[in-house]
């Protein structure tokens, strides 16, 4: 399990199966916490018709990181649900991997906002994703 071992067992159990879309896109989680999370994703297999990384792939990577960070902040017995997301794309990429680095902007009792910077293998920023999650009780 690796990166999931450091989490609360109840949360780690939920994350041990990150979901079909993250798996299909090849997302690999490298670091997870409420304040900062990091993951990477291959460009290959996630491109649009002209051969560059699909804009929606940027958003999937960003939302995956932001939602997991929010769920960690929410803690056991609670869950996070996205209520707003936006992305600004500033550069394209055709090969290699992209890395998403998620940083908390606000960690409240009922709302969390995170910013995800997505970069290429050379560290160039490709896009910026911002997500706000609502934190709810499971029952």
C-alpha atoms as a PDB file:
ATOM      1  CA  UNK A   1       0.000   0.000   0.000  1.00  0.00           C
ATOM      2  CA  UNK A   2       2.926   2.399   0.620  1.00  0.00           C
ATOM      3  CA  UNK A   3       1.700   5.989   0.817  1.00  0.00           C
ATOM      4  CA  UNK A   4      -1.619   4.864   2.339  1.00  0.00           C
ATOM      5  CA  UNK A   5       0.094   3.225   5.359  1.00  0.00           C
ATOM      6  CA  UNK A   6       0.578   6.582   7.103  1.00  0.00           C
ATOM      7  CA  UNK A   7      -3.144   7.433   7.086  1.00  0.00           C
ATOM      8  CA  UNK A   8      -5.854   6.677   9.640  1.00  0.00           C
ATOM      9  CA  UNK A   9      -6.877   3.029   9.019  1.00  0.00           C
ATOM     10  CA  UNK A  10     -10.504   3.929   8.176  1.00  0.00           C
ATOM     11  CA  UNK A  11      -9.389   6.495   5.605  1.00  0.00           C
ATOM     12  CA  UNK A  12      -6.625   4.219   4.263  1.00  0.00           C
ATOM     13  CA  UNK A  13      -9.244   1.499   3.650  1.00  0.00           C
ATOM     14  CA  UNK A  14     -11.297   3.903   1.500  1.00  0.00           C
ATOM     15  CA  UNK A  15      -8.208   5.019  -0.431  1.00  0.00           C
ATOM     16  CA  UNK A  16      -6.794   1.533  -0.984  1.00  0.00           C
ATOM     17  CA  UNK A  17      -9.173   1.404  -3.974  1.00  0.00           C
ATOM     18  CA  UNK A  18      -8.837   4.935  -5.404  1.00  0.00           C
ATOM     19  CA  UNK A  19     -11.380   4.231  -8.121  1.00  0.00           C
ATOM     20  CA  UNK A  20     -11.644   3.101 -11.684  1.00  0.00           C
ATOM     21  CA  UNK A  21     -10.886   6.445 -13.319  1.00  0.00           C
ATOM     22  CA  UNK A  22      -7.659   7.095 -11.379  1.00  0.00           C
ATOM     23  CA  UNK A  23      -6.498   3.567 -12.180  1.00  0.00           C
ATOM     24  CA  UNK A  24      -7.416   3.850 -15.883  1.00  0.00           C
ATOM     25  CA  UNK A  25      -5.483   7.102 -16.139  1.00  0.00           C
ATOM     26  CA  UNK A  26      -2.429   5.606 -14.439  1.00  0.00           C
ATOM     27  CA  UNK A  27      -2.390   8.012 -11.496  1.00  0.00           C
ATOM     28  CA  UNK A  28       0.233   7.083  -8.894  1.00  0.00           C
ATOM     29  CA  UNK A  29      -0.086   8.700  -5.463  1.00  0.00           C
ATOM     30  CA  UNK A  30       3.305   9.630  -3.989  1.00  0.00           C
ATOM     31  CA  UNK A  31       2.428  11.703  -0.916  1.00  0.00           C
ATOM     32  CA  UNK A  32      -0.889  12.232   0.897  1.00  0.00           C
ATOM     33  CA  UNK A  33      -1.891  14.633   3.662  1.00  0.00           C
ATOM     34  CA  UNK A  34      -4.519  17.313   4.227  1.00  0.00           C
ATOM     35  CA  UNK A  35      -1.964  20.075   3.679  1.00  0.00           C
ATOM     36  CA  UNK A  36       0.033  18.634   0.766  1.00  0.00           C
ATOM     37  CA  UNK A  37      -0.403  15.719  -1.614  1.00  0.00           C
ATOM     38  CA  UNK A  38       1.543  14.680  -4.703  1.00  0.00           C
ATOM     39  CA  UNK A  39       0.722  12.302  -7.562  1.00  0.00           C
ATOM     40  CA  UNK A  40       1.947  11.662 -11.072  1.00  0.00           C
ATOM     41  CA  UNK A  41       0.274  10.501 -14.252  1.00  0.00           C
ATOM     42  CA  UNK A  42       1.576   9.411 -17.670  1.00  0.00           C
ATOM     43  CA  UNK A  43       0.815  11.577 -20.676  1.00  0.00           C
ATOM     44  CA  UNK A  44       0.618   8.485 -22.896  1.00  0.00           C
ATOM     45  CA  UNK A  45      -2.936   7.156 -22.994  1.00  0.00           C
ATOM     46  CA  UNK A  46      -4.382  10.446 -21.721  1.00  0.00           C
ATOM     47  CA  UNK A  47      -4.032  12.619 -24.824  1.00  0.00           C
ATOM     48  CA  UNK A  48      -6.506  14.408 -27.059  1.00  0.00           C
ATOM     49  CA  UNK A  49      -6.712  14.058 -30.837  1.00  0.00           C
ATOM     50  CA  UNK A  50      -3.728  16.340 -31.558  1.00  0.00           C
ATOM     51  CA  UNK A  51      -1.444  14.329 -29.241  1.00  0.00           C
ATOM     52  CA  UNK A  52      -1.196  16.631 -26.223  1.00  0.00           C
ATOM     53  CA  UNK A  53      -2.379  15.824 -22.703  1.00  0.00           C
ATOM     54  CA  UNK A  54      -6.154  16.251 -22.584  1.00  0.00           C
ATOM     55  CA  UNK A  55      -7.332  19.230 -20.508  1.00  0.00           C
ATOM     56  CA  UNK A  56      -9.785  16.938 -18.745  1.00  0.00           C
ATOM     57  CA  UNK A  57      -6.878  14.730 -17.662  1.00  0.00           C
ATOM     58  CA  UNK A  58      -5.374  17.730 -15.858  1.00  0.00           C
ATOM     59  CA  UNK A  59      -8.688  18.186 -14.045  1.00  0.00           C
ATOM     60  CA  UNK A  60      -8.974  14.497 -13.126  1.00  0.00           C
ATOM     61  CA  UNK A  61      -5.489  14.562 -11.592  1.00  0.00           C
ATOM     62  CA  UNK A  62      -6.273  17.790  -9.728  1.00  0.00           C
ATOM     63  CA  UNK A  63      -9.641  16.614  -8.453  1.00  0.00           C
ATOM     64  CA  UNK A  64      -8.226  13.269  -7.350  1.00  0.00           C
ATOM     65  CA  UNK A  65      -5.554  15.005  -5.269  1.00  0.00           C
ATOM     66  CA  UNK A  66      -7.818  17.741  -3.868  1.00  0.00           C
ATOM     67  CA  UNK A  67     -10.587  15.348  -2.912  1.00  0.00           C
ATOM     68  CA  UNK A  68      -8.232  12.926  -1.195  1.00  0.00           C
ATOM     69  CA  UNK A  69      -6.555  15.753   0.733  1.00  0.00           C
ATOM     70  CA  UNK A  70      -9.970  17.077   1.802  1.00  0.00           C
ATOM     71  CA  UNK A  71     -11.079  13.599   2.906  1.00  0.00           C
ATOM     72  CA  UNK A  72      -7.942  13.246   5.020  1.00  0.00           C
ATOM     73  CA  UNK A  73      -8.699  16.601   6.640  1.00  0.00           C
ATOM     74  CA  UNK A  74     -12.330  15.571   7.225  1.00  0.00           C
ATOM     75  CA  UNK A  75     -11.136  12.523   9.177  1.00  0.00           C
ATOM     76  CA  UNK A  76     -12.803   9.239  10.129  1.00  0.00           C
ATOM     77  CA  UNK A  77     -16.603   9.226  10.022  1.00  0.00           C
ATOM     78  CA  UNK A  78     -16.699  12.059   7.488  1.00  0.00           C
ATOM     79  CA  UNK A  79     -16.296  12.408   3.731  1.00  0.00           C
ATOM     80  CA  UNK A  80     -15.554  15.128   1.192  1.00  0.00           C
ATOM     81  CA  UNK A  81     -17.645  15.984  -1.845  1.00  0.00           C
ATOM     82  CA  UNK A  82     -16.524  18.434  -4.497  1.00  0.00           C
ATOM     83  CA  UNK A  83     -18.725  21.486  -4.947  1.00  0.00           C
ATOM     84  CA  UNK A  84     -16.568  23.618  -7.273  1.00  0.00           C
ATOM     85  CA  UNK A  85     -13.567  23.068  -9.519  1.00  0.00           C
ATOM     86  CA  UNK A  86     -11.797  25.174 -12.127  1.00  0.00           C
ATOM     87  CA  UNK A  87      -8.645  24.885 -14.187  1.00  0.00           C
ATOM     88  CA  UNK A  88      -6.397  27.255 -16.097  1.00  0.00           C
ATOM     89  CA  UNK A  89      -4.145  25.632 -18.691  1.00  0.00           C
ATOM     90  CA  UNK A  90      -0.980  27.541 -19.519  1.00  0.00           C
ATOM     91  CA  UNK A  91       1.181  25.052 -21.403  1.00  0.00           C
ATOM     92  CA  UNK A  92       0.846  21.718 -23.215  1.00  0.00           C
ATOM     93  CA  UNK A  93       2.824  18.483 -23.049  1.00  0.00           C
ATOM     94  CA  UNK A  94       3.122  15.541 -25.476  1.00  0.00           C
ATOM     95  CA  UNK A  95       5.120  12.925 -23.579  1.00  0.00           C
ATOM     96  CA  UNK A  96       6.503  11.833 -20.244  1.00  0.00           C
ATOM     97  CA  UNK A  97       4.724  12.278 -16.940  1.00  0.00           C
ATOM     98  CA  UNK A  98       2.932  15.136 -15.284  1.00  0.00           C
ATOM     99  CA  UNK A  99       3.069  15.726 -11.541  1.00  0.00           C
ATOM    100  CA  UNK A 100       0.318  17.304  -9.490  1.00  0.00           C
ATOM    101  CA  UNK A 101       1.258  19.033  -6.239  1.00  0.00           C
ATOM    102  CA  UNK A 102      -1.759  19.844  -4.093  1.00  0.00           C
ATOM    103  CA  UNK A 103      -1.530  22.572  -1.446  1.00  0.00           C
ATOM    104  CA  UNK A 104      -4.214  23.546   1.043  1.00  0.00           C
ATOM    105  CA  UNK A 105      -5.534  27.082   0.749  1.00  0.00           C
ATOM    106  CA  UNK A 106      -8.175  26.750   3.489  1.00  0.00           C
ATOM    107  CA  UNK A 107      -8.922  23.825   5.818  1.00  0.00           C
ATOM    108  CA  UNK A 108     -12.183  24.560   7.605  1.00  0.00           C
ATOM    109  CA  UNK A 109     -14.700  22.471   9.519  1.00  0.00           C
ATOM    110  CA  UNK A 110     -17.186  22.285   6.639  1.00  0.00           C
ATOM    111  CA  UNK A 111     -15.236  23.490   3.571  1.00  0.00           C
ATOM    112  CA  UNK A 112     -11.728  22.857   2.201  1.00  0.00           C
ATOM    113  CA  UNK A 113     -10.079  24.571  -0.730  1.00  0.00           C
ATOM    114  CA  UNK A 114      -6.934  23.259  -2.414  1.00  0.00           C
ATOM    115  CA  UNK A 115      -4.765  24.438  -5.306  1.00  0.00           C
ATOM    116  CA  UNK A 116      -3.071  21.872  -7.510  1.00  0.00           C
ATOM    117  CA  UNK A 117      -0.085  22.869  -9.648  1.00  0.00           C
ATOM    118  CA  UNK A 118       0.472  20.434 -12.511  1.00  0.00           C
ATOM    119  CA  UNK A 119       3.974  20.372 -13.972  1.00  0.00           C
ATOM    120  CA  UNK A 120       5.887  18.465 -16.645  1.00  0.00           C
ATOM    121  CA  UNK A 121       9.090  16.441 -16.198  1.00  0.00           C
ATOM    122  CA  UNK A 122      11.149  19.656 -16.438  1.00  0.00           C
ATOM    123  CA  UNK A 123       9.139  21.420 -13.711  1.00  0.00           C
ATOM    124  CA  UNK A 124       7.263  23.741 -16.102  1.00  0.00           C
ATOM    125  CA  UNK A 125       3.765  24.594 -14.871  1.00  0.00           C
ATOM    126  CA  UNK A 126       1.162  23.271 -17.273  1.00  0.00           C
ATOM    127  CA  UNK A 127      -2.015  24.098 -15.396  1.00  0.00           C
ATOM    128  CA  UNK A 128      -3.464  25.243 -12.112  1.00  0.00           C
ATOM    129  CA  UNK A 129      -6.550  23.533 -10.696  1.00  0.00           C
ATOM    130  CA  UNK A 130      -8.543  24.826  -7.725  1.00  0.00           C
ATOM    131  CA  UNK A 131     -11.125  22.696  -5.929  1.00  0.00           C
ATOM    132  CA  UNK A 132     -13.477  23.324  -3.020  1.00  0.00           C
ATOM    133  CA  UNK A 133     -14.908  20.348  -1.124  1.00  0.00           C
ATOM    134  CA  UNK A 134     -17.816  20.213   1.307  1.00  0.00           C
ATOM    135  CA  UNK A 135     -17.125  18.047   4.359  1.00  0.00           C
ATOM    136  CA  UNK A 136     -20.036  15.897   5.553  1.00  0.00           C
ATOM    137  CA  UNK A 137     -20.726  13.254   8.202  1.00  0.00           C
ATOM    138  CA  UNK A 138     -21.057   9.705   6.857  1.00  0.00           C
ATOM    139  CA  UNK A 139     -24.316   8.942   8.695  1.00  0.00           C
END
